[in-house]
Amino acid sequence: MKFMRSLLVAAGFAGSAMIAGAPAQAQMLDPSVPEDALEISKRLQCGVSADEPAVYHWSGNIYGRAPGQRDKLLFKGEGMNIRRCVEVTDPERGTGWRLISREVMLMLDPETGEVVNEWENPYTGETVSVMQIHNDPVNGRPNFAVGSDGSPFQLSTLKESGPYVFIPFEVPLFYPNPLAGAYQEYVGNSYHAMEIFDFAALKDDLYDASTPTAYPMISWVRISPWAPWMEMGGRPGQMVFNAMGQKLPGGFEELPDVLKTEIRANYPIYEQAPPKDDTRRNETTWTKFKMLTDQARAAEADAPKDEAGH
């Protein structure tokens, strides 16, 4: 409905301009030109400016998949990412941009839609504490019209179909598990997952450089190992996330109430994007879980003991 409303508003604005005798002249970008392709990618990802961040929202289902069992709908998911894009310069590659963001995704009860904080794991029968996804930061590498090897920037997966533009983007992940020890090259246990981002936009919205940004839709799929807070040990299986959403013209205030309420109560920094000069290492669910677990263990070790040593 929001998407259709945007179309109607755009159509109404164009009609008013023609009635007034002064139709707006679109400055259409060409994705085959490296500088224009760079600007299109920025319009896809970024907000109006570095000072006016963008907010992406998505919602969907989170399944568990174990060998020999039917897939289980474990949670509904509601997520958001708040981001800004800052200008960067390179003496050889010129001027480009870099994405700086943080994100939250909530695990919701599939029946009630309420945030789940304590969860009975159907695979183990144990009750565990849920760690909602809250990663800060989730930043990108700098983007320039010229690659580090001198090649021109391209949106190689971009496809046009009538008035629409589709940009699929797969991210295969395979690296040492942050929760593993120093011998994983011998025994395995690497983090192995895939994230799939599929963007869709109206060509006139995405290519029109006379407006500061565009408001595309997004489909997001993640196939990953069990979340560490599920305490699954070495049980085989994986999680499957499937969600859809869009960049919100109204920003943070346009998010569903469940997200706004939870963020303001428990994750208040996520109402704003990270600072423009953020150079911290990225967080993931696994690195955040390790950090929080290490903090809890350190606090427990430092707590005063009674005479019995408890």
Protein backbone atom coordinates (compact mmCIF):
# COMPACT_ATOMS: atom_id res chain seq x y z
CA MET A 1 0.00 0.00 0.00
CA LYS A 2 2.83 2.44 0.79
CA PHE A 3 4.43 1.60 -2.55
CA MET A 4 1.18 2.27 -4.44
CA ARG A 5 0.64 5.46 -2.48
CA SER A 6 4.10 6.64 -3.55
CA LEU A 7 3.21 5.97 -7.17
CA LEU A 8 -0.04 7.90 -6.87
CA VAL A 9 1.68 10.84 -5.17
CA ALA A 10 4.36 10.89 -7.88
CA ALA A 11 1.73 10.75 -10.60
CA GLY A 12 -0.24 13.54 -8.97
CA PHE A 13 2.85 15.72 -8.65
CA ALA A 14 3.77 15.20 -12.32
CA GLY A 15 0.22 16.01 -13.40
CA SER A 16 0.20 19.23 -11.35
CA ALA A 17 3.48 20.30 -12.90
CA MET A 18 2.18 19.81 -16.43
CA ILE A 19 -0.98 21.73 -15.62
CA ALA A 20 1.16 24.57 -14.37
CA GLY A 21 3.03 24.50 -17.69
CA ALA A 22 6.40 23.73 -16.09
CA PRO A 23 7.05 19.99 -16.09
CA ALA A 24 10.09 18.94 -14.06
CA GLN A 25 13.00 17.78 -16.23
CA ALA A 26 14.37 14.48 -14.95
CA GLN A 27 18.13 14.09 -14.86
CA MET A 28 18.29 10.40 -15.75
CA LEU A 29 21.39 8.39 -14.85
CA ASP A 30 22.88 5.79 -17.18
CA PRO A 31 24.00 2.58 -15.40
CA SER A 32 26.51 1.85 -18.19
CA VAL A 33 28.50 4.96 -17.20
CA PRO A 34 30.75 4.22 -14.18
CA GLU A 35 30.11 7.56 -12.47
CA ASP A 36 26.35 7.16 -12.94
CA ALA A 37 26.46 3.53 -11.78
CA LEU A 38 28.22 4.69 -8.62
CA GLU A 39 25.50 7.29 -8.04
CA ILE A 40 22.76 4.70 -8.65
CA SER A 41 24.32 2.40 -6.04
CA LYS A 42 24.44 5.31 -3.61
CA ARG A 43 20.78 6.14 -4.26
CA LEU A 44 19.96 2.49 -3.64
CA GLN A 45 21.71 2.37 -0.28
CA CYS A 46 21.83 5.85 1.21
CA GLY A 47 19.72 8.60 2.69
CA VAL A 48 19.10 12.15 1.56
CA SER A 49 22.53 13.16 2.88
CA ALA A 50 25.13 12.12 5.45
CA ASP A 51 23.16 14.18 7.98
CA GLU A 52 19.78 12.66 7.04
CA PRO A 53 20.22 8.88 7.31
CA ALA A 54 18.17 6.22 5.59
CA VAL A 55 16.18 3.49 7.33
CA TYR A 56 15.51 0.09 5.78
CA HIS A 57 12.78 -2.10 7.27
CA TRP A 58 12.04 -5.78 6.63
CA SER A 59 9.75 -8.41 8.11
CA GLY A 60 9.34 -12.12 7.55
CA ASN A 61 9.75 -15.63 8.93
CA ILE A 62 12.59 -17.48 10.65
CA TYR A 63 12.70 -21.26 10.27
CA GLY A 64 14.74 -24.07 11.77
CA ARG A 65 15.87 -26.89 9.50
CA ALA A 66 17.17 -30.14 11.00
CA PRO A 67 17.93 -33.39 9.14
CA GLY A 68 15.07 -35.84 9.12
CA GLN A 69 12.54 -33.33 10.51
CA ARG A 70 9.99 -30.99 9.02
CA ASP A 71 11.09 -27.37 8.95
CA LYS A 72 9.83 -25.46 12.01
CA LEU A 73 8.61 -21.86 12.03
CA LEU A 74 10.55 -20.64 15.05
CA PHE A 75 9.89 -16.89 14.99
CA LYS A 76 8.47 -14.01 13.06
CA GLY A 77 11.15 -11.41 12.42
CA GLU A 78 11.06 -7.61 12.36
CA GLY A 79 14.27 -5.85 11.40
CA MET A 80 15.73 -2.48 10.57
CA ASN A 81 18.99 -0.92 9.49
CA ILE A 82 19.77 2.77 9.97
CA ARG A 83 22.57 4.07 7.80
CA ARG A 84 24.37 7.09 6.47
CA CYS A 85 26.75 7.39 3.53
CA VAL A 86 29.78 9.62 3.88
CA GLU A 87 31.98 11.07 1.17
CA VAL A 88 35.46 9.58 0.88
CA THR A 89 38.38 10.61 -1.33
CA ASP A 90 41.34 8.75 -2.74
CA PRO A 91 44.29 10.40 -4.49
CA GLU A 92 44.07 7.95 -7.40
CA ARG A 93 40.40 6.89 -7.45
CA GLY A 94 38.78 10.26 -6.81
CA THR A 95 35.63 10.86 -4.77
CA GLY A 96 33.35 8.07 -3.62
CA TRP A 97 31.15 7.07 -0.71
CA ARG A 98 31.14 4.65 2.22
CA LEU A 99 28.18 3.07 4.03
CA ILE A 100 28.04 3.36 7.85
CA SER A 101 25.18 1.58 9.62
CA ARG A 102 23.84 -0.44 12.55
CA GLU A 103 20.93 -2.90 12.65
CA VAL A 104 18.36 -4.59 14.88
CA MET A 105 16.26 -7.69 14.22
CA LEU A 106 13.71 -8.94 16.74
CA MET A 107 12.53 -12.50 17.29
CA LEU A 108 8.74 -12.42 17.67
CA ASP A 109 6.29 -15.09 18.77
CA PRO A 110 4.66 -16.45 15.58
CA GLU A 111 1.22 -16.43 17.21
CA THR A 112 1.16 -13.26 19.33
CA GLY A 113 3.71 -11.07 17.53
CA GLU A 114 5.30 -10.21 20.90
CA VAL A 115 9.06 -10.00 21.44
CA VAL A 116 10.45 -13.32 22.69
CA ASN A 117 13.04 -13.02 25.45
CA GLU A 118 12.82 -16.53 26.95
CA TRP A 119 12.33 -19.41 24.52
CA GLU A 120 11.78 -23.14 24.87
CA ASN A 121 14.01 -24.69 22.25
CA PRO A 122 11.91 -27.37 20.48
CA TYR A 123 15.04 -29.27 19.46
CA THR A 124 16.52 -29.61 22.96
CA GLY A 125 13.58 -29.02 25.31
CA GLU A 126 15.69 -26.46 27.19
CA THR A 127 14.62 -22.87 27.92
CA VAL A 128 17.18 -20.31 26.77
CA SER A 129 17.56 -16.55 26.80
CA VAL A 130 17.09 -14.98 23.38
CA MET A 131 19.69 -12.52 22.17
CA GLN A 132 17.96 -10.21 19.71
CA ILE A 133 20.14 -9.29 16.76
CA HIS A 134 21.70 -5.89 17.43
CA ASN A 135 24.90 -5.31 15.50
CA ASP A 136 26.86 -2.07 15.71
CA PRO A 137 28.44 -1.26 13.34
CA VAL A 138 27.64 -2.89 10.01
CA ASN A 139 29.76 -0.78 7.70
CA GLY A 140 30.77 -1.11 4.06
CA ARG A 141 33.96 -0.59 2.12
CA PRO A 142 34.49 2.62 0.15
CA ASN A 143 33.01 2.70 -3.36
CA PHE A 144 34.56 4.62 -6.24
CA ALA A 145 33.88 4.96 -9.95
CA VAL A 146 37.29 3.32 -10.45
CA GLY A 147 38.20 0.00 -8.82
CA SER A 148 41.44 -0.64 -6.94
CA ASP A 149 42.71 -2.42 -10.06
CA GLY A 150 41.76 0.51 -12.31
CA SER A 151 38.64 -1.15 -13.71
CA PRO A 152 35.43 0.91 -14.06
CA PHE A 153 32.69 0.49 -11.45
CA GLN A 154 29.81 -1.65 -12.73
CA LEU A 155 26.44 -2.81 -11.46
CA SER A 156 26.99 -6.16 -13.11
CA THR A 157 23.83 -7.81 -11.78
CA LEU A 158 21.46 -4.95 -12.66
CA LYS A 159 18.54 -5.98 -14.82
CA GLU A 160 15.89 -3.73 -16.37
CA SER A 161 12.36 -4.97 -17.07
CA GLY A 162 9.92 -2.38 -18.39
CA PRO A 163 9.59 0.34 -15.74
CA TYR A 164 11.45 -1.72 -13.11
CA VAL A 165 15.06 -2.28 -12.09
CA PHE A 166 16.19 -5.44 -10.28
CA ILE A 167 19.57 -5.82 -8.58
CA PRO A 168 20.25 -9.24 -6.99
CA PHE A 169 23.24 -9.53 -4.69
CA GLU A 170 24.54 -12.74 -3.07
CA VAL A 171 27.03 -12.80 -0.18
CA PRO A 172 28.60 -16.24 0.43
CA LEU A 173 30.24 -16.29 3.87
CA PHE A 174 32.99 -18.69 4.94
CA TYR A 175 35.47 -17.70 7.62
CA PRO A 176 36.81 -18.85 11.02
CA ASN A 177 33.99 -19.04 13.56
CA PRO A 178 34.43 -16.18 16.08
CA LEU A 179 33.46 -18.61 18.86
CA ALA A 180 36.00 -21.23 17.83
CA GLY A 181 39.50 -21.89 19.15
CA ALA A 182 42.94 -21.59 17.60
CA TYR A 183 42.91 -24.96 15.82
CA GLN A 184 39.96 -24.65 13.43
CA GLU A 185 42.16 -25.04 10.36
CA TYR A 186 42.72 -28.61 11.56
CA VAL A 187 39.25 -29.57 12.81
CA GLY A 188 36.91 -27.32 10.82
CA ASN A 189 33.94 -25.50 12.38
CA SER A 190 34.18 -22.47 10.13
CA TYR A 191 31.25 -20.07 9.94
CA HIS A 192 29.46 -21.00 6.70
CA ALA A 193 26.40 -19.03 5.61
CA MET A 194 24.88 -17.08 2.74
CA GLU A 195 22.95 -13.82 2.62
CA ILE A 196 20.93 -12.84 -0.44
CA PHE A 197 19.78 -9.26 -1.04
CA ASP A 198 17.43 -8.62 -3.97
CA PHE A 199 16.58 -4.97 -4.64
CA ALA A 200 13.71 -3.75 -6.81
CA ALA A 201 12.89 -0.17 -7.76
CA LEU A 202 11.04 1.91 -10.30
CA LYS A 203 13.48 3.02 -12.98
CA ASP A 204 12.19 6.59 -12.82
CA ASP A 205 12.83 6.66 -9.06
CA LEU A 206 16.25 5.01 -9.06
CA TYR A 207 17.72 6.82 -12.08
CA ASP A 208 16.29 10.32 -11.51
CA ALA A 209 19.24 12.34 -10.17
CA SER A 210 17.08 15.45 -9.74
CA THR A 211 15.94 13.96 -6.40
CA PRO A 212 18.43 13.26 -3.58
CA THR A 213 17.76 9.53 -3.16
CA ALA A 214 15.49 6.62 -4.12
CA TYR A 215 13.21 4.33 -2.10
CA PRO A 216 13.61 0.77 -3.38
CA MET A 217 12.14 -2.45 -2.05
CA ILE A 218 14.28 -5.31 -0.77
CA SER A 219 14.06 -9.07 -0.34
CA TRP A 220 16.47 -10.63 2.17
CA VAL A 221 17.28 -14.29 2.70
CA ARG A 222 19.84 -15.72 5.12
CA ILE A 223 20.86 -19.35 5.47
CA SER A 224 23.11 -19.76 8.50
CA PRO A 225 24.13 -22.03 11.37
CA TRP A 226 22.05 -22.16 14.54
CA ALA A 227 22.32 -18.92 16.54
CA PRO A 228 24.77 -19.42 19.44
CA TRP A 229 22.22 -18.37 22.08
CA MET A 230 20.06 -21.37 21.05
CA GLU A 231 22.65 -23.64 22.76
CA MET A 232 22.41 -26.27 20.05
CA GLY A 233 25.93 -27.59 20.58
CA GLY A 234 26.96 -29.76 17.65
CA ARG A 235 23.45 -30.65 16.47
CA PRO A 236 23.26 -30.55 12.67
CA GLY A 237 20.92 -28.09 11.02
CA GLN A 238 20.56 -24.46 10.08
CA MET A 239 18.35 -21.40 10.23
CA VAL A 240 16.53 -19.93 7.23
CA PHE A 241 15.48 -16.27 7.29
CA ASN A 242 13.14 -14.94 4.61
CA ALA A 243 11.97 -11.32 4.69
CA MET A 244 10.88 -8.42 2.52
CA GLY A 245 10.79 -4.69 3.07
CA GLN A 246 11.82 -1.28 1.75
CA LYS A 247 13.72 1.90 2.42
CA LEU A 248 11.28 4.09 4.35
CA PRO A 249 10.56 7.64 3.13
CA GLY A 250 9.46 8.52 6.68
CA GLY A 251 12.61 7.17 8.33
CA PHE A 252 12.64 5.77 11.85
CA GLU A 253 9.15 6.99 12.72
CA GLU A 254 7.69 4.86 9.93
CA LEU A 255 8.91 1.61 11.53
CA PRO A 256 6.35 -0.74 13.15
CA ASP A 257 5.57 0.07 16.77
CA VAL A 258 7.11 -3.17 18.04
CA LEU A 259 10.50 -2.12 16.64
CA LYS A 260 10.32 1.50 17.79
CA THR A 261 9.22 0.51 21.30
CA GLU A 262 11.90 -2.16 21.74
CA ILE A 263 14.67 0.02 20.34
CA ARG A 264 13.79 2.99 22.51
CA ALA A 265 13.54 0.79 25.61
CA ASN A 266 16.60 -1.44 25.15
CA TYR A 267 18.72 -0.32 22.19
CA PRO A 268 18.43 3.49 22.12
CA ILE A 269 21.59 4.14 20.08
CA TYR A 270 19.92 2.37 17.14
CA GLU A 271 17.55 5.28 16.66
CA GLN A 272 20.51 7.07 15.08
CA ALA A 273 23.13 5.96 12.57
CA PRO A 274 26.76 5.60 13.74
CA PRO A 275 28.96 8.70 13.54
CA LYS A 276 30.37 9.76 10.20
CA ASP A 277 33.96 8.92 11.16
CA ASP A 278 33.16 5.39 12.41
CA THR A 279 36.07 3.02 11.67
CA ARG A 280 35.25 0.22 14.13
CA ARG A 281 35.30 -3.45 13.12
CA ASN A 282 31.93 -4.80 12.06
CA GLU A 283 29.82 -6.84 14.45
CA THR A 284 27.86 -10.00 13.74
CA THR A 285 25.50 -12.10 15.85
CA TRP A 286 28.47 -14.31 16.72
CA THR A 287 30.90 -11.54 17.70
CA LYS A 288 28.17 -9.76 19.69
CA PHE A 289 27.29 -13.01 21.51
CA LYS A 290 30.97 -13.60 22.31
CA MET A 291 31.39 -10.07 23.64
CA LEU A 292 28.29 -10.25 25.85
CA THR A 293 29.18 -13.74 27.09
CA ASP A 294 32.75 -12.67 27.94
CA GLN A 295 31.40 -9.64 29.80
CA ALA A 296 28.96 -11.79 31.79
CA ARG A 297 31.69 -14.29 32.71
CA ALA A 298 34.04 -11.51 33.79
CA ALA A 299 31.33 -9.92 35.94
CA GLU A 300 30.58 -13.29 37.54
CA ALA A 301 34.27 -13.86 38.26
CA ASP A 302 34.58 -10.42 39.88
CA ALA A 303 31.43 -10.80 42.01
CA PRO A 304 32.02 -11.15 45.78
CA LYS A 305 31.92 -14.76 47.06
CA ASP A 306 30.37 -15.96 50.32
CA GLU A 307 32.24 -18.11 52.83
CA ALA A 308 31.31 -21.27 50.91
CA GLY A 309 32.85 -19.80 47.76
CA HIS A 310 29.50 -19.24 46.02
